Amino acid sequence: MHEYPITKRIIEVSEEFAKKNNVDQVKQINLVVGDYSGYVASSIELYFDLIAEDSICKGAALHIERVKPKLKCTSCGQLFERKPFEFTCPLCEGEGEPTDIGQEFYIKSIEV
């Protein structure tokens, strides 16, 4: 349910951007959402049209770039996606440690 307020804020930020640029319609919003960001991209998509209905974002396309989490090998430095129940580097079989990759959440661009 916390996707509702964040989706509302995305629309507010987009409206502010459009108004600063003297434009009365937002055409597209591009988001980056990591799988470990704490937000569910499909829920944001679900709320978007509903919340945008009475705004200058009505009819705007919402594109979400999803980012899969990656581990970093402590031996060779390789970044890799973790397989279920495994932390082993596919390159050198070293141990992977968590990174911030996959925790992203931001507006990449707004097209007006």
PDB file of N, CA and C in Angstrom:
ATOM      1  N   MET A   1       0.820  -1.204   0.000  1.00  0.00           N
ATOM      2  CA  MET A   1       0.000   0.000   0.000  1.00  0.00           C
ATOM      3  C   MET A   1       0.863   1.268   0.000  1.00  0.00           C
ATOM      4  N   HIS A   2       2.139   1.172   0.363  1.00  0.00           N
ATOM      5  CA  HIS A   2       2.976   2.366   0.390  1.00  0.00           C
ATOM      6  C   HIS A   2       3.355   2.836  -1.008  1.00  0.00           C
ATOM      7  N   GLU A   3       2.964   2.090  -2.041  1.00  0.00           N
ATOM      8  CA  GLU A   3       3.197   2.547  -3.408  1.00  0.00           C
ATOM      9  C   GLU A   3       2.249   3.686  -3.783  1.00  0.00           C
ATOM     10  N   TYR A   4       1.092   3.764  -3.131  1.00  0.00           N
ATOM     11  CA  TYR A   4       0.145   4.840  -3.444  1.00  0.00           C
ATOM     12  C   TYR A   4       0.760   6.217  -3.177  1.00  0.00           C
ATOM     13  N   PRO A   5       1.283   6.494  -1.960  1.00  0.00           N
ATOM     14  CA  PRO A   5       1.841   7.829  -1.721  1.00  0.00           C
ATOM     15  C   PRO A   5       3.079   8.128  -2.572  1.00  0.00           C
ATOM     16  N   ILE A   6       3.894   7.126  -2.860  1.00  0.00           N
ATOM     17  CA  ILE A   6       5.078   7.397  -3.680  1.00  0.00           C
ATOM     18  C   ILE A   6       4.666   7.673  -5.126  1.00  0.00           C
ATOM     19  N   THR A   7       3.637   7.001  -5.606  1.00  0.00           N
ATOM     20  CA  THR A   7       3.135   7.268  -6.956  1.00  0.00           C
ATOM     21  C   THR A   7       2.548   8.674  -7.029  1.00  0.00           C
ATOM     22  N   LYS A   8       1.837   9.063  -5.999  1.00  0.00           N
ATOM     23  CA  LYS A   8       1.288  10.420  -5.933  1.00  0.00           C
ATOM     24  C   LYS A   8       2.416  11.448  -5.972  1.00  0.00           C
ATOM     25  N   ARG A   9       3.498  11.171  -5.255  1.00  0.00           N
ATOM     26  CA  ARG A   9       4.642  12.097  -5.235  1.00  0.00           C
ATOM     27  C   ARG A   9       5.332  12.157  -6.598  1.00  0.00           C
ATOM     28  N   ILE A  10       5.420  11.049  -7.294  1.00  0.00           N
ATOM     29  CA  ILE A  10       5.999  11.025  -8.646  1.00  0.00           C
ATOM     30  C   ILE A  10       5.206  11.950  -9.561  1.00  0.00           C
ATOM     31  N   ILE A  11       3.905  11.902  -9.450  1.00  0.00           N
ATOM     32  CA  ILE A  11       3.041  12.759 -10.267  1.00  0.00           C
ATOM     33  C   ILE A  11       3.216  14.220  -9.869  1.00  0.00           C
ATOM     34  N   GLU A  12       3.307  14.501  -8.579  1.00  0.00           N
ATOM     35  CA  GLU A  12       3.522  15.882  -8.119  1.00  0.00           C
ATOM     36  C   GLU A  12       4.844  16.442  -8.637  1.00  0.00           C
ATOM     37  N   VAL A  13       5.898  15.660  -8.558  1.00  0.00           N
ATOM     38  CA  VAL A  13       7.207  16.102  -9.054  1.00  0.00           C
ATOM     39  C   VAL A  13       7.144  16.362 -10.553  1.00  0.00           C
ATOM     40  N   SER A  14       6.456  15.493 -11.280  1.00  0.00           N
ATOM     41  CA  SER A  14       6.320  15.659 -12.728  1.00  0.00           C
ATOM     42  C   SER A  14       5.525  16.910 -13.071  1.00  0.00           C
ATOM     43  N   GLU A  15       4.475  17.177 -12.309  1.00  0.00           N
ATOM     44  CA  GLU A  15       3.694  18.396 -12.521  1.00  0.00           C
ATOM     45  C   GLU A  15       4.530  19.640 -12.243  1.00  0.00           C
ATOM     46  N   GLU A  16       5.297  19.622 -11.169  1.00  0.00           N
ATOM     47  CA  GLU A  16       6.164  20.756 -10.836  1.00  0.00           C
ATOM     48  C   GLU A  16       7.175  21.007 -11.957  1.00  0.00           C
ATOM     49  N   PHE A  17       7.742  19.933 -12.494  1.00  0.00           N
ATOM     50  CA  PHE A  17       8.699  20.038 -13.596  1.00  0.00           C
ATOM     51  C   PHE A  17       8.035  20.668 -14.818  1.00  0.00           C
ATOM     52  N   ALA A  18       6.840  20.201 -15.160  1.00  0.00           N
ATOM     53  CA  ALA A  18       6.123  20.729 -16.328  1.00  0.00           C
ATOM     54  C   ALA A  18       5.800  22.213 -16.136  1.00  0.00           C
ATOM     55  N   LYS A  19       5.335  22.577 -14.964  1.00  0.00           N
ATOM     56  CA  LYS A  19       4.989  23.975 -14.704  1.00  0.00           C
ATOM     57  C   LYS A  19       6.211  24.888 -14.764  1.00  0.00           C
ATOM     58  N   LYS A  20       7.353  24.428 -14.249  1.00  0.00           N
ATOM     59  CA  LYS A  20       8.594  25.216 -14.312  1.00  0.00           C
ATOM     60  C   LYS A  20       9.034  25.434 -15.760  1.00  0.00           C
ATOM     61  N   ASN A  21       8.647  24.520 -16.624  1.00  0.00           N
ATOM     62  CA  ASN A  21       9.018  24.610 -18.034  1.00  0.00           C
ATOM     63  C   ASN A  21       7.873  25.135 -18.906  1.00  0.00           C
ATOM     64  N   ASN A  22       6.850  25.698 -18.244  1.00  0.00           N
ATOM     65  CA  ASN A  22       5.698  26.292 -18.935  1.00  0.00           C
ATOM     66  C   ASN A  22       5.037  25.341 -19.929  1.00  0.00           C
ATOM     67  N   VAL A  23       4.843  24.117 -19.498  1.00  0.00           N
ATOM     68  CA  VAL A  23       4.204  23.089 -20.325  1.00  0.00           C
ATOM     69  C   VAL A  23       2.973  22.603 -19.581  1.00  0.00           C
ATOM     70  N   ASP A  24       1.892  22.334 -20.325  1.00  0.00           N
ATOM     71  CA  ASP A  24       0.650  21.931 -19.669  1.00  0.00           C
ATOM     72  C   ASP A  24       0.326  20.444 -19.806  1.00  0.00           C
ATOM     73  N   GLN A  25       1.293  19.639 -20.271  1.00  0.00           N
ATOM     74  CA  GLN A  25       1.049  18.204 -20.394  1.00  0.00           C
ATOM     75  C   GLN A  25       2.350  17.424 -20.236  1.00  0.00           C
ATOM     76  N   VAL A  26       2.318  16.404 -19.393  1.00  0.00           N
ATOM     77  CA  VAL A  26       3.443  15.480 -19.255  1.00  0.00           C
ATOM     78  C   VAL A  26       3.172  14.311 -20.195  1.00  0.00           C
ATOM     79  N   LYS A  27       4.148  13.992 -21.036  1.00  0.00           N
ATOM     80  CA  LYS A  27       3.976  12.918 -22.009  1.00  0.00           C
ATOM     81  C   LYS A  27       4.473  11.574 -21.507  1.00  0.00           C
ATOM     82  N   GLN A  28       5.593  11.596 -20.776  1.00  0.00           N
ATOM     83  CA  GLN A  28       6.176  10.335 -20.331  1.00  0.00           C
ATOM     84  C   GLN A  28       7.018  10.547 -19.080  1.00  0.00           C
ATOM     85  N   ILE A  29       6.966   9.562 -18.186  1.00  0.00           N
ATOM     86  CA  ILE A  29       7.787   9.561 -16.982  1.00  0.00           C
ATOM     87  C   ILE A  29       8.589   8.267 -16.992  1.00  0.00           C
ATOM     88  N   ASN A  30       9.893   8.398 -16.823  1.00  0.00           N
ATOM     89  CA  ASN A  30      10.782   7.242 -16.810  1.00  0.00           C
ATOM     90  C   ASN A  30      11.347   7.059 -15.406  1.00  0.00           C
ATOM     91  N   LEU A  31      11.048   5.919 -14.815  1.00  0.00           N
ATOM     92  CA  LEU A  31      11.503   5.609 -13.460  1.00  0.00           C
ATOM     93  C   LEU A  31      12.546   4.497 -13.484  1.00  0.00           C
ATOM     94  N   VAL A  32      13.372   4.485 -12.464  1.00  0.00           N
ATOM     95  CA  VAL A  32      14.284   3.373 -12.221  1.00  0.00           C
ATOM     96  C   VAL A  32      13.891   2.805 -10.860  1.00  0.00           C
ATOM     97  N   VAL A  33      13.559   1.514 -10.840  1.00  0.00           N
ATOM     98  CA  VAL A  33      13.107   0.864  -9.612  1.00  0.00           C
ATOM     99  C   VAL A  33      13.892  -0.429  -9.415  1.00  0.00           C
ATOM    100  N   GLY A  34      14.686  -0.478  -8.365  1.00  0.00           N
ATOM    101  CA  GLY A  34      15.421  -1.693  -8.035  1.00  0.00           C
ATOM    102  C   GLY A  34      14.508  -2.696  -7.355  1.00  0.00           C
ATOM    103  N   ASP A  35      14.774  -3.962  -7.601  1.00  0.00           N
ATOM    104  CA  ASP A  35      13.963  -5.025  -6.996  1.00  0.00           C
ATOM    105  C   ASP A  35      14.029  -5.015  -5.467  1.00  0.00           C
ATOM    106  N   TYR A  36      15.110  -4.455  -4.905  1.00  0.00           N
ATOM    107  CA  TYR A  36      15.250  -4.373  -3.448  1.00  0.00           C
ATOM    108  C   TYR A  36      15.011  -2.957  -2.921  1.00  0.00           C
ATOM    109  N   SER A  37      14.330  -2.120  -3.707  1.00  0.00           N
ATOM    110  CA  SER A  37      14.083  -0.734  -3.295  1.00  0.00           C
ATOM    111  C   SER A  37      13.012  -0.617  -2.220  1.00  0.00           C
ATOM    112  N   GLY A  38      12.219  -1.647  -2.090  1.00  0.00           N
ATOM    113  CA  GLY A  38      11.104  -1.582  -1.143  1.00  0.00           C
ATOM    114  C   GLY A  38       9.799  -1.205  -1.815  1.00  0.00           C
ATOM    115  N   TYR A  39       9.843  -0.931  -3.125  1.00  0.00           N
ATOM    116  CA  TYR A  39       8.641  -0.587  -3.883  1.00  0.00           C
ATOM    117  C   TYR A  39       8.392  -1.630  -4.957  1.00  0.00           C
ATOM    118  N   VAL A  40       7.131  -1.929  -5.174  1.00  0.00           N
ATOM    119  CA  VAL A  40       6.746  -2.901  -6.191  1.00  0.00           C
ATOM    120  C   VAL A  40       6.351  -2.143  -7.452  1.00  0.00           C
ATOM    121  N   ALA A  41       7.146  -2.326  -8.507  1.00  0.00           N
ATOM    122  CA  ALA A  41       6.932  -1.588  -9.755  1.00  0.00           C
ATOM    123  C   ALA A  41       5.532  -1.795 -10.317  1.00  0.00           C
ATOM    124  N   SER A  42       5.027  -3.008 -10.265  1.00  0.00           N
ATOM    125  CA  SER A  42       3.697  -3.275 -10.816  1.00  0.00           C
ATOM    126  C   SER A  42       2.601  -2.544 -10.037  1.00  0.00           C
ATOM    127  N   SER A  43       2.800  -2.324  -8.746  1.00  0.00           N
ATOM    128  CA  SER A  43       1.820  -1.566  -7.956  1.00  0.00           C
ATOM    129  C   SER A  43       1.853  -0.091  -8.325  1.00  0.00           C
ATOM    130  N   ILE A  44       3.047   0.432  -8.590  1.00  0.00           N
ATOM    131  CA  ILE A  44       3.161   1.825  -9.029  1.00  0.00           C
ATOM    132  C   ILE A  44       2.433   1.993 -10.357  1.00  0.00           C
ATOM    133  N   GLU A  45       2.615   1.043 -11.260  1.00  0.00           N
ATOM    134  CA  GLU A  45       1.923   1.081 -12.555  1.00  0.00           C
ATOM    135  C   GLU A  45       0.413   1.048 -12.357  1.00  0.00           C
ATOM    136  N   LEU A  46      -0.035   0.237 -11.426  1.00  0.00           N
ATOM    137  CA  LEU A  46      -1.463   0.105 -11.146  1.00  0.00           C
ATOM    138  C   LEU A  46      -2.065   1.419 -10.642  1.00  0.00           C
ATOM    139  N   TYR A  47      -1.378   2.085  -9.729  1.00  0.00           N
ATOM    140  CA  TYR A  47      -1.873   3.336  -9.159  1.00  0.00           C
ATOM    141  C   TYR A  47      -1.729   4.529 -10.096  1.00  0.00           C
ATOM    142  N   PHE A  48      -0.759   4.482 -10.982  1.00  0.00           N
ATOM    143  CA  PHE A  48      -0.417   5.650 -11.781  1.00  0.00           C
ATOM    144  C   PHE A  48      -1.610   6.242 -12.532  1.00  0.00           C
ATOM    145  N   ASP A  49      -2.287   5.446 -13.348  1.00  0.00           N
ATOM    146  CA  ASP A  49      -3.408   5.974 -14.140  1.00  0.00           C
ATOM    147  C   ASP A  49      -4.528   6.514 -13.259  1.00  0.00           C
ATOM    148  N   LEU A  50      -4.776   5.858 -12.159  1.00  0.00           N
ATOM    149  CA  LEU A  50      -5.823   6.286 -11.233  1.00  0.00           C
ATOM    150  C   LEU A  50      -5.503   7.658 -10.633  1.00  0.00           C
ATOM    151  N   ILE A  51      -4.282   7.828 -10.148  1.00  0.00           N
ATOM    152  CA  ILE A  51      -3.898   9.088  -9.515  1.00  0.00           C
ATOM    153  C   ILE A  51      -3.720  10.201 -10.546  1.00  0.00           C
ATOM    154  N   ALA A  52      -3.230   9.863 -11.722  1.00  0.00           N
ATOM    155  CA  ALA A  52      -2.958  10.863 -12.769  1.00  0.00           C
ATOM    156  C   ALA A  52      -4.226  11.376 -13.436  1.00  0.00           C
ATOM    157  N   GLU A  53      -5.335  10.733 -13.222  1.00  0.00           N
ATOM    158  CA  GLU A  53      -6.598  11.061 -13.905  1.00  0.00           C
ATOM    159  C   GLU A  53      -6.947  12.543 -13.862  1.00  0.00           C
ATOM    160  N   ASP A  54      -6.761  13.195 -12.743  1.00  0.00           N
ATOM    161  CA  ASP A  54      -7.126  14.608 -12.594  1.00  0.00           C
ATOM    162  C   ASP A  54      -5.909  15.527 -12.586  1.00  0.00           C
ATOM    163  N   SER A  55      -4.884  15.160 -13.351  1.00  0.00           N
ATOM    164  CA  SER A  55      -3.666  15.965 -13.361  1.00  0.00           C
ATOM    165  C   SER A  55      -3.169  16.156 -14.789  1.00  0.00           C
ATOM    166  N   ILE A  56      -2.107  16.935 -14.932  1.00  0.00           N
ATOM    167  CA  ILE A  56      -1.524  17.134 -16.265  1.00  0.00           C
ATOM    168  C   ILE A  56      -0.709  15.910 -16.700  1.00  0.00           C
ATOM    169  N   CYS A  57      -0.675  14.893 -15.848  1.00  0.00           N
ATOM    170  CA  CYS A  57      -0.018  13.628 -16.205  1.00  0.00           C
ATOM    171  C   CYS A  57      -1.004  12.621 -16.803  1.00  0.00           C
ATOM    172  N   LYS A  58      -2.271  13.021 -16.899  1.00  0.00           N
ATOM    173  CA  LYS A  58      -3.274  12.118 -17.471  1.00  0.00           C
ATOM    174  C   LYS A  58      -2.859  11.741 -18.901  1.00  0.00           C
ATOM    175  N   GLY A  59      -2.841  10.451 -19.166  1.00  0.00           N
ATOM    176  CA  GLY A  59      -2.470   9.964 -20.490  1.00  0.00           C
ATOM    177  C   GLY A  59      -0.972   9.803 -20.698  1.00  0.00           C
ATOM    178  N   ALA A  60      -0.186  10.206 -19.702  1.00  0.00           N
ATOM    179  CA  ALA A  60       1.270  10.072 -19.828  1.00  0.00           C
ATOM    180  C   ALA A  60       1.659   8.598 -19.757  1.00  0.00           C
ATOM    181  N   ALA A  61       2.701   8.264 -20.477  1.00  0.00           N
ATOM    182  CA  ALA A  61       3.238   6.908 -20.425  1.00  0.00           C
ATOM    183  C   ALA A  61       4.167   6.803 -19.222  1.00  0.00           C
ATOM    184  N   LEU A  62       4.086   5.699 -18.526  1.00  0.00           N
ATOM    185  CA  LEU A  62       4.971   5.433 -17.407  1.00  0.00           C
ATOM    186  C   LEU A  62       5.863   4.260 -17.794  1.00  0.00           C
ATOM    187  N   HIS A  63       7.160   4.518 -17.881  1.00  0.00           N
ATOM    188  CA  HIS A  63       8.119   3.464 -18.215  1.00  0.00           C
ATOM    189  C   HIS A  63       8.971   3.202 -16.977  1.00  0.00           C
ATOM    190  N   ILE A  64       9.053   1.938 -16.606  1.00  0.00           N
ATOM    191  CA  ILE A  64       9.824   1.575 -15.425  1.00  0.00           C
ATOM    192  C   ILE A  64      10.967   0.653 -15.832  1.00  0.00           C
ATOM    193  N   GLU A  65      12.163   1.102 -15.529  1.00  0.00           N
ATOM    194  CA  GLU A  65      13.365   0.292 -15.748  1.00  0.00           C
ATOM    195  C   GLU A  65      13.642  -0.427 -14.435  1.00  0.00           C
ATOM    196  N   ARG A  66      13.520  -1.736 -14.461  1.00  0.00           N
ATOM    197  CA  ARG A  66      13.748  -2.521 -13.248  1.00  0.00           C
ATOM    198  C   ARG A  66      15.222  -2.915 -13.152  1.00  0.00           C
ATOM    199  N   VAL A  67      15.759  -2.839 -11.932  1.00  0.00           N
ATOM    200  CA  VAL A  67      17.161  -3.171 -11.702  1.00  0.00           C
ATOM    201  C   VAL A  67      17.243  -4.379 -10.773  1.00  0.00           C
ATOM    202  N   LYS A  68      17.853  -5.430 -11.267  1.00  0.00           N
ATOM    203  CA  LYS A  68      18.034  -6.640 -10.471  1.00  0.00           C
ATOM    204  C   LYS A  68      19.220  -6.447  -9.520  1.00  0.00           C
ATOM    205  N   PRO A  69      19.109  -6.957  -8.304  1.00  0.00           N
ATOM    206  CA  PRO A  69      20.206  -6.838  -7.345  1.00  0.00           C
ATOM    207  C   PRO A  69      21.439  -7.618  -7.815  1.00  0.00           C
ATOM    208  N   LYS A  70      22.602  -7.099  -7.455  1.00  0.00           N
ATOM    209  CA  LYS A  70      23.851  -7.777  -7.800  1.00  0.00           C
ATOM    210  C   LYS A  70      24.748  -7.867  -6.575  1.00  0.00           C
ATOM    211  N   LEU A  71      25.509  -8.939  -6.568  1.00  0.00           N
ATOM    212  CA  LEU A  71      26.540  -9.133  -5.556  1.00  0.00           C
ATOM    213  C   LEU A  71      27.884  -8.795  -6.176  1.00  0.00           C
ATOM    214  N   LYS A  72      28.872  -8.519  -5.318  1.00  0.00           N
ATOM    215  CA  LYS A  72      30.229  -8.261  -5.791  1.00  0.00           C
ATOM    216  C   LYS A  72      31.145  -9.322  -5.184  1.00  0.00           C
ATOM    217  N   CYS A  73      31.917  -9.965  -6.025  1.00  0.00           N
ATOM    218  CA  CYS A  73      32.827 -11.007  -5.578  1.00  0.00           C
ATOM    219  C   CYS A  73      33.955 -10.383  -4.755  1.00  0.00           C
ATOM    220  N   THR A  74      34.206 -10.966  -3.583  1.00  0.00           N
ATOM    221  CA  THR A  74      35.276 -10.472  -2.721  1.00  0.00           C
ATOM    222  C   THR A  74      36.658 -10.864  -3.244  1.00  0.00           C
ATOM    223  N   SER A  75      36.710 -11.821  -4.171  1.00  0.00           N
ATOM    224  CA  SER A  75      37.998 -12.259  -4.728  1.00  0.00           C
ATOM    225  C   SER A  75      38.384 -11.507  -5.989  1.00  0.00           C
ATOM    226  N   CYS A  76      37.486 -11.504  -6.987  1.00  0.00           N
ATOM    227  CA  CYS A  76      37.838 -10.916  -8.289  1.00  0.00           C
ATOM    228  C   CYS A  76      37.150  -9.579  -8.576  1.00  0.00           C
ATOM    229  N   GLY A  77      36.169  -9.194  -7.751  1.00  0.00           N
ATOM    230  CA  GLY A  77      35.489  -7.920  -7.949  1.00  0.00           C
ATOM    231  C   GLY A  77      34.355  -7.952  -8.954  1.00  0.00           C
ATOM    232  N   GLN A  78      34.092  -9.107  -9.547  1.00  0.00           N
ATOM    233  CA  GLN A  78      33.018  -9.254 -10.542  1.00  0.00           C
ATOM    234  C   GLN A  78      31.657  -8.980  -9.901  1.00  0.00           C
ATOM    235  N   LEU A  79      30.784  -8.237 -10.612  1.00  0.00           N
ATOM    236  CA  LEU A  79      29.392  -8.064 -10.193  1.00  0.00           C
ATOM    237  C   LEU A  79      28.572  -9.164 -10.854  1.00  0.00           C
ATOM    238  N   PHE A  80      27.653  -9.750 -10.101  1.00  0.00           N
ATOM    239  CA  PHE A  80      26.835 -10.825 -10.664  1.00  0.00           C
ATOM    240  C   PHE A  80      25.497 -10.915  -9.943  1.00  0.00           C
ATOM    241  N   GLU A  81      24.505 -11.453 -10.660  1.00  0.00           N
ATOM    242  CA  GLU A  81      23.191 -11.691 -10.065  1.00  0.00           C
ATOM    243  C   GLU A  81      23.256 -12.968  -9.252  1.00  0.00           C
ATOM    244  N   ARG A  82      22.699 -12.916  -8.089  1.00  0.00           N
ATOM    245  CA  ARG A  82      22.702 -14.080  -7.201  1.00  0.00           C
ATOM    246  C   ARG A  82      21.664 -15.090  -7.642  1.00  0.00           C
ATOM    247  N   LYS A  83      22.073 -16.339  -7.676  1.00  0.00           N
ATOM    248  CA  LYS A  83      21.129 -17.425  -7.916  1.00  0.00           C
ATOM    249  C   LYS A  83      20.520 -17.791  -6.567  1.00  0.00           C
ATOM    250  N   PRO A  84      19.295 -18.335  -6.575  1.00  0.00           N
ATOM    251  CA  PRO A  84      18.660 -18.687  -5.294  1.00  0.00           C
ATOM    252  C   PRO A  84      19.562 -19.567  -4.419  1.00  0.00           C
ATOM    253  N   PHE A  85      19.692 -19.189  -3.173  1.00  0.00           N
ATOM    254  CA  PHE A  85      20.447 -19.925  -2.156  1.00  0.00           C
ATOM    255  C   PHE A  85      21.936 -20.048  -2.476  1.00  0.00           C
ATOM    256  N   GLU A  86      22.471 -19.113  -3.251  1.00  0.00           N
ATOM    257  CA  GLU A  86      23.867 -19.198  -3.648  1.00  0.00           C
ATOM    258  C   GLU A  86      24.520 -17.816  -3.627  1.00  0.00           C
ATOM    259  N   PHE A  87      25.750 -17.753  -3.184  1.00  0.00           N
ATOM    260  CA  PHE A  87      26.507 -16.502  -3.143  1.00  0.00           C
ATOM    261  C   PHE A  87      27.832 -16.642  -3.892  1.00  0.00           C
ATOM    262  N   THR A  88      27.973 -17.706  -4.664  1.00  0.00           N
ATOM    263  CA  THR A  88      29.234 -18.014  -5.334  1.00  0.00           C
ATOM    264  C   THR A  88      29.369 -17.260  -6.650  1.00  0.00           C
ATOM    265  N   CYS A  89      30.540 -16.657  -6.856  1.00  0.00           N
ATOM    266  CA  CYS A  89      30.836 -15.938  -8.095  1.00  0.00           C
ATOM    267  C   CYS A  89      30.907 -16.920  -9.258  1.00  0.00           C
ATOM    268  N   PRO A  90      30.204 -16.654 -10.349  1.00  0.00           N
ATOM    269  CA  PRO A  90      30.245 -17.565 -11.497  1.00  0.00           C
ATOM    270  C   PRO A  90      31.579 -17.523 -12.249  1.00  0.00           C
ATOM    271  N   LEU A  91      32.378 -16.491 -12.011  1.00  0.00           N
ATOM    272  CA  LEU A  91      33.650 -16.356 -12.709  1.00  0.00           C
ATOM    273  C   LEU A  91      34.788 -17.098 -11.993  1.00  0.00           C
ATOM    274  N   CYS A  92      34.917 -16.860 -10.681  1.00  0.00           N
ATOM    275  CA  CYS A  92      36.063 -17.445  -9.965  1.00  0.00           C
ATOM    276  C   CYS A  92      35.666 -18.320  -8.776  1.00  0.00           C
ATOM    277  N   GLU A  93      34.369 -18.422  -8.517  1.00  0.00           N
ATOM    278  CA  GLU A  93      33.813 -19.198  -7.407  1.00  0.00           C
ATOM    279  C   GLU A  93      34.136 -18.599  -6.034  1.00  0.00           C
ATOM    280  N   GLY A  94      34.522 -17.308  -6.036  1.00  0.00           N
ATOM    281  CA  GLY A  94      34.709 -16.597  -4.770  1.00  0.00           C
ATOM    282  C   GLY A  94      33.352 -16.302  -4.145  1.00  0.00           C
ATOM    283  N   GLU A  95      33.375 -15.662  -2.987  1.00  0.00           N
ATOM    284  CA  GLU A  95      32.135 -15.346  -2.278  1.00  0.00           C
ATOM    285  C   GLU A  95      31.632 -13.959  -2.651  1.00  0.00           C
ATOM    286  N   GLY A  96      30.353 -13.861  -2.909  1.00  0.00           N
ATOM    287  CA  GLY A  96      29.739 -12.579  -3.236  1.00  0.00           C
ATOM    288  C   GLY A  96      29.236 -11.873  -1.995  1.00  0.00           C
ATOM    289  N   GLU A  97      29.346 -10.544  -2.004  1.00  0.00           N
ATOM    290  CA  GLU A  97      28.809  -9.746  -0.908  1.00  0.00           C
ATOM    291  C   GLU A  97      27.795  -8.748  -1.463  1.00  0.00           C
ATOM    292  N   PRO A  98      26.834  -8.334  -0.652  1.00  0.00           N
ATOM    293  CA  PRO A  98      25.800  -7.415  -1.127  1.00  0.00           C
ATOM    294  C   PRO A  98      26.369  -6.072  -1.592  1.00  0.00           C
ATOM    295  N   THR A  99      25.667  -5.450  -2.518  1.00  0.00           N
ATOM    296  CA  THR A  99      25.982  -4.108  -3.004  1.00  0.00           C
ATOM    297  C   THR A  99      24.705  -3.275  -2.932  1.00  0.00           C
ATOM    298  N   ASP A 100      24.801  -2.029  -3.339  1.00  0.00           N
ATOM    299  CA  ASP A 100      23.611  -1.171  -3.396  1.00  0.00           C
ATOM    300  C   ASP A 100      22.846  -1.354  -4.707  1.00  0.00           C
ATOM    301  N   ILE A 101      23.405  -2.113  -5.629  1.00  0.00           N
ATOM    302  CA  ILE A 101      22.742  -2.336  -6.919  1.00  0.00           C
ATOM    303  C   ILE A 101      21.459  -3.127  -6.671  1.00  0.00           C
ATOM    304  N   GLY A 102      20.345  -2.573  -7.129  1.00  0.00           N
ATOM    305  CA  GLY A 102      19.038  -3.185  -6.918  1.00  0.00           C
ATOM    306  C   GLY A 102      18.211  -2.431  -5.892  1.00  0.00           C
ATOM    307  N   GLN A 103      18.805  -1.417  -5.260  1.00  0.00           N
ATOM    308  CA  GLN A 103      18.081  -0.617  -4.274  1.00  0.00           C
ATOM    309  C   GLN A 103      17.674   0.748  -4.825  1.00  0.00           C
ATOM    310  N   GLU A 104      17.938   0.977  -6.110  1.00  0.00           N
ATOM    311  CA  GLU A 104      17.653   2.272  -6.726  1.00  0.00           C
ATOM    312  C   GLU A 104      16.156   2.568  -6.748  1.00  0.00           C
ATOM    313  N   PHE A 105      15.849   3.842  -6.624  1.00  0.00           N
ATOM    314  CA  PHE A 105      14.481   4.317  -6.842  1.00  0.00           C
ATOM    315  C   PHE A 105      14.558   5.800  -7.144  1.00  0.00           C
ATOM    316  N   TYR A 106      14.350   6.155  -8.399  1.00  0.00           N
ATOM    317  CA  TYR A 106      14.384   7.569  -8.768  1.00  0.00           C
ATOM    318  C   TYR A 106      13.706   7.815 -10.115  1.00  0.00           C
ATOM    319  N   ILE A 107      13.356   9.076 -10.332  1.00  0.00           N
ATOM    320  CA  ILE A 107      12.818   9.499 -11.626  1.00  0.00           C
ATOM    321  C   ILE A 107      14.019   9.744 -12.535  1.00  0.00           C
ATOM    322  N   LYS A 108      14.123   8.982 -13.586  1.00  0.00           N
ATOM    323  CA  LYS A 108      15.244   9.114 -14.517  1.00  0.00           C
ATOM    324  C   LYS A 108      15.050  10.323 -15.437  1.00  0.00           C
ATOM    325  N   SER A 109      13.829  10.475 -15.941  1.00  0.00           N
ATOM    326  CA  SER A 109      13.525  11.622 -16.797  1.00  0.00           C
ATOM    327  C   SER A 109      12.024  11.836 -16.893  1.00  0.00           C
ATOM    328  N   ILE A 110      11.680  13.060 -17.261  1.00  0.00           N
ATOM    329  CA  ILE A 110      10.282  13.437 -17.491  1.00  0.00           C
ATOM    330  C   ILE A 110      10.221  14.094 -18.864  1.00  0.00           C
ATOM    331  N   GLU A 111       9.372  13.579 -19.706  1.00  0.00           N
ATOM    332  CA  GLU A 111       9.207  14.141 -21.042  1.00  0.00           C
ATOM    333  C   GLU A 111       7.910  14.944 -21.103  1.00  0.00           C
ATOM    334  N   VAL A 112       8.058  16.186 -21.562  1.00  0.00           N
ATOM    335  CA  VAL A 112       6.897  17.073 -21.637  1.00  0.00           C
ATOM    336  C   VAL A 112       6.636  17.480 -23.072  1.00  0.00           C
TER     337      VAL A 112
END
